[in-house]
Amino acid sequence: MTDPQDLSPLTFTHRIAQQTDTEVIRQLMQISIAENMKAFLSASEIEAAKETMGVDKTLIEDGTYFLIEIVHDDKTVLVGCGGWGKRKTLYGGDHTVGRDDSFSDPDTEAARIRAMYTHPDWIRRGIGTLLLDLGEDAARKAGFKTIELGSTVPGEPLYIARGYVEVERRVETAANGSKNTVIKMVKPLA
């Protein structure tokens, strides 16, 4: 656990995720979903959100998924993960219904910011901003002119602060009967 009063500069490093990282990514996602959403969603709404959240192995295969790490107490700790997609799937894990894993055309279609998670002990330290910078820069270098994402309610404030604009808000009923909100947001990569 980190000391929330410690405001000393932190040195985060990043690397591209590998298939061997899948289990630690899954663990980080689970704790992030369970803890970071509590201030925004009820327990049943968090369960509903899990239907559209999770590991997407195509991001790892494509080399577009980043791991954010820090050396803490003399060991390397995974504190965040997220990336960008060059495929048409807007959000979700391998299990999410309605995926379209065909590639987007950078000249006419948007890249996607995907699957961003921060460990609860490391929130409000700039990890989300770092992940957005990495994903946006990589998508820009790949020739994309626009980037979009499917935000959860808890993620929306960060994306608004970073210049993303809502273009659609979908509320669906999950298997448990609770509502699951996904906010489609877009930003130019000029």
Protein backbone atom coordinates (compact mmCIF):
# COMPACT_ATOMS: atom_id res chain seq x y z
CA MET A 1 0.00 0.00 0.00
CA THR A 2 1.29 3.46 -0.82
CA ASP A 3 1.12 6.48 1.42
CA PRO A 4 -1.45 8.86 -0.13
CA GLN A 5 0.32 11.80 1.51
CA ASP A 6 3.63 10.99 -0.21
CA LEU A 7 3.78 13.42 -3.13
CA SER A 8 7.40 12.77 -4.08
CA PRO A 9 8.02 12.35 -7.80
CA LEU A 10 7.39 8.84 -9.06
CA THR A 11 9.27 7.13 -11.85
CA PHE A 12 6.99 4.91 -13.83
CA THR A 13 8.28 2.75 -16.65
CA HIS A 14 6.29 1.17 -19.42
CA ARG A 15 6.65 -1.81 -21.68
CA ILE A 16 4.57 -3.70 -24.22
CA ALA A 17 2.61 -6.56 -22.67
CA GLN A 18 3.43 -10.14 -23.63
CA GLN A 19 1.17 -13.21 -23.57
CA THR A 20 3.02 -14.33 -20.41
CA ASP A 21 1.66 -11.22 -18.66
CA THR A 22 -1.99 -12.23 -19.14
CA GLU A 23 -2.57 -13.50 -15.60
CA VAL A 24 -1.05 -10.47 -13.84
CA ILE A 25 -3.08 -8.21 -16.15
CA ARG A 26 -6.24 -10.14 -15.24
CA GLN A 27 -5.44 -9.76 -11.52
CA LEU A 28 -4.87 -6.01 -11.88
CA MET A 29 -8.13 -5.64 -13.81
CA GLN A 30 -10.08 -7.54 -11.15
CA ILE A 31 -8.85 -5.41 -8.24
CA SER A 32 -9.25 -2.22 -10.25
CA ILE A 33 -12.85 -3.06 -11.19
CA ALA A 34 -13.71 -4.17 -7.64
CA GLU A 35 -12.25 -1.13 -5.87
CA ASN A 36 -12.04 1.83 -8.24
CA MET A 37 -15.69 1.71 -9.29
CA LYS A 38 -17.17 1.68 -5.78
CA ALA A 39 -17.45 5.48 -5.60
CA PHE A 40 -19.50 5.53 -8.82
CA LEU A 41 -21.47 2.29 -9.06
CA SER A 42 -23.42 -0.07 -6.83
CA ALA A 43 -22.16 -3.63 -6.29
CA SER A 44 -24.68 -4.99 -8.80
CA GLU A 45 -23.69 -2.33 -11.37
CA ILE A 46 -20.02 -3.31 -10.92
CA GLU A 47 -20.99 -6.93 -11.61
CA ALA A 48 -22.89 -5.76 -14.70
CA ALA A 49 -19.85 -3.83 -15.93
CA LYS A 50 -17.77 -7.01 -15.84
CA GLU A 51 -19.74 -8.26 -18.86
CA THR A 52 -17.91 -5.68 -20.98
CA MET A 53 -14.54 -5.58 -19.21
CA GLY A 54 -11.55 -7.90 -19.20
CA VAL A 55 -8.41 -9.04 -20.96
CA ASP A 56 -8.44 -8.67 -24.75
CA LYS A 57 -5.67 -10.89 -26.08
CA THR A 58 -5.77 -9.26 -29.53
CA LEU A 59 -4.33 -6.08 -27.99
CA ILE A 60 -1.43 -8.13 -26.60
CA GLU A 61 -0.97 -9.98 -29.91
CA ASP A 62 -0.97 -6.67 -31.81
CA GLY A 63 1.69 -5.19 -29.50
CA THR A 64 -0.58 -2.26 -28.60
CA TYR A 65 -1.07 -2.94 -24.89
CA PHE A 66 1.13 -1.23 -22.31
CA LEU A 67 2.05 -2.19 -18.78
CA ILE A 68 2.98 0.58 -16.35
CA GLU A 69 5.40 -0.48 -13.65
CA ILE A 70 7.33 1.06 -10.78
CA VAL A 71 10.06 -0.23 -8.52
CA HIS A 72 8.52 -0.19 -5.04
CA ASP A 73 10.17 -1.73 -1.98
CA ASP A 74 12.91 -3.10 -4.26
CA LYS A 75 10.57 -5.02 -6.54
CA THR A 76 8.91 -4.21 -9.84
CA VAL A 77 5.16 -3.73 -9.37
CA LEU A 78 2.47 -3.57 -12.05
CA VAL A 79 0.43 -0.44 -11.26
CA GLY A 80 -1.50 0.12 -14.49
CA CYS A 81 -2.30 -1.25 -17.90
CA GLY A 82 -4.03 -0.05 -21.03
CA GLY A 83 -3.45 0.52 -24.67
CA TRP A 84 -4.85 1.29 -28.04
CA GLY A 85 -6.52 -0.79 -30.68
CA LYS A 86 -6.25 -0.75 -34.43
CA ARG A 87 -9.23 -3.09 -34.70
CA LYS A 88 -12.90 -2.10 -34.82
CA THR A 89 -13.81 -3.46 -31.38
CA LEU A 90 -14.50 -0.41 -29.21
CA TYR A 91 -14.34 -2.06 -25.78
CA GLY A 92 -14.45 -5.35 -23.94
CA GLY A 93 -12.51 -8.47 -23.22
CA ASP A 94 -12.20 -11.73 -25.09
CA HIS A 95 -15.61 -12.78 -23.71
CA THR A 96 -17.53 -9.63 -24.74
CA VAL A 97 -20.42 -10.19 -27.13
CA GLY A 98 -20.46 -8.26 -30.42
CA ARG A 99 -16.72 -7.96 -31.05
CA ASP A 100 -15.40 -6.96 -34.48
CA ASP A 101 -11.72 -7.81 -34.67
CA SER A 102 -11.26 -6.64 -38.25
CA PHE A 103 -8.68 -3.90 -38.72
CA SER A 104 -9.66 -0.23 -38.95
CA ASP A 105 -8.54 1.91 -41.88
CA PRO A 106 -6.40 4.75 -40.45
CA ASP A 107 -7.48 7.06 -43.29
CA THR A 108 -11.21 6.78 -42.63
CA GLU A 109 -11.72 5.15 -39.22
CA ALA A 110 -10.67 5.79 -35.65
CA ALA A 111 -8.15 3.99 -33.48
CA ARG A 112 -9.39 3.05 -30.03
CA ILE A 113 -8.14 3.58 -26.50
CA ARG A 114 -8.72 0.26 -24.78
CA ALA A 115 -8.82 -1.52 -21.44
CA MET A 116 -7.31 1.04 -19.08
CA TYR A 117 -6.94 -0.02 -15.44
CA THR A 118 -5.02 1.34 -12.46
CA HIS A 119 -4.28 -0.48 -9.23
CA PRO A 120 -6.34 1.15 -6.43
CA ASP A 121 -3.19 1.86 -4.39
CA TRP A 122 -1.80 3.94 -7.27
CA ILE A 123 -4.75 6.04 -8.45
CA ARG A 124 -4.39 9.81 -8.90
CA ARG A 125 -0.68 9.47 -9.72
CA GLY A 126 -0.83 10.15 -13.48
CA ILE A 127 -1.01 6.55 -14.70
CA GLY A 128 -4.20 7.11 -16.74
CA THR A 129 -2.68 10.19 -18.36
CA LEU A 130 0.52 8.27 -19.16
CA LEU A 131 -1.50 5.45 -20.75
CA LEU A 132 -3.49 7.93 -22.84
CA ASP A 133 -0.30 9.65 -24.00
CA LEU A 134 1.27 6.32 -24.98
CA GLY A 135 -1.84 5.11 -26.84
CA GLU A 136 -2.54 8.39 -28.61
CA ASP A 137 1.09 8.79 -29.70
CA ALA A 138 1.27 5.22 -31.03
CA ALA A 139 -2.06 5.57 -32.90
CA ARG A 140 -0.89 8.88 -34.40
CA LYS A 141 2.37 7.25 -35.56
CA ALA A 142 0.32 4.45 -37.14
CA GLY A 143 -1.45 7.10 -39.27
CA PHE A 144 -4.75 7.45 -37.39
CA LYS A 145 -6.33 10.91 -37.40
CA THR A 146 -9.01 10.20 -34.78
CA ILE A 147 -9.21 8.11 -31.64
CA GLU A 148 -12.26 6.94 -29.72
CA LEU A 149 -13.07 4.90 -26.65
CA GLY A 150 -15.88 3.28 -24.73
CA SER A 151 -15.77 4.79 -21.25
CA THR A 152 -17.26 3.57 -18.02
CA VAL A 153 -18.90 6.15 -15.76
CA PRO A 154 -15.82 6.17 -13.45
CA GLY A 155 -13.47 6.79 -16.40
CA GLU A 156 -15.46 9.65 -17.92
CA PRO A 157 -13.91 12.53 -15.88
CA LEU A 158 -10.37 11.64 -17.00
CA TYR A 159 -11.34 11.42 -20.64
CA ILE A 160 -13.22 14.73 -20.55
CA ALA A 161 -10.17 16.37 -18.95
CA ARG A 162 -8.05 14.98 -21.79
CA GLY A 163 -10.23 16.43 -24.55
CA TYR A 164 -12.50 13.51 -25.38
CA VAL A 165 -16.09 14.40 -26.28
CA GLU A 166 -19.13 12.20 -25.75
CA VAL A 167 -20.87 11.13 -28.97
CA GLU A 168 -23.12 8.38 -27.62
CA ARG A 169 -24.23 6.95 -24.27
CA ARG A 170 -25.58 3.40 -24.22
CA VAL A 171 -27.26 1.87 -21.23
CA GLU A 172 -27.87 -1.85 -21.46
CA THR A 173 -29.33 -4.30 -19.00
CA ALA A 174 -26.82 -6.91 -17.90
CA ALA A 175 -27.56 -10.55 -17.11
CA ASN A 176 -28.03 -9.67 -13.42
CA GLY A 177 -30.69 -7.07 -14.31
CA SER A 178 -28.50 -4.06 -13.49
CA LYS A 179 -27.69 -1.26 -15.89
CA ASN A 180 -24.31 -1.05 -17.61
CA THR A 181 -23.40 2.30 -19.13
CA VAL A 182 -20.82 2.65 -21.91
CA ILE A 183 -20.00 6.17 -23.11
CA LYS A 184 -18.55 6.43 -26.60
CA MET A 185 -16.12 9.35 -26.74
CA VAL A 186 -13.94 10.71 -29.54
CA LYS A 187 -10.91 12.98 -29.95
CA PRO A 188 -8.95 14.22 -32.98
CA LEU A 189 -5.28 13.25 -33.12
CA ALA A 190 -4.11 16.45 -34.79
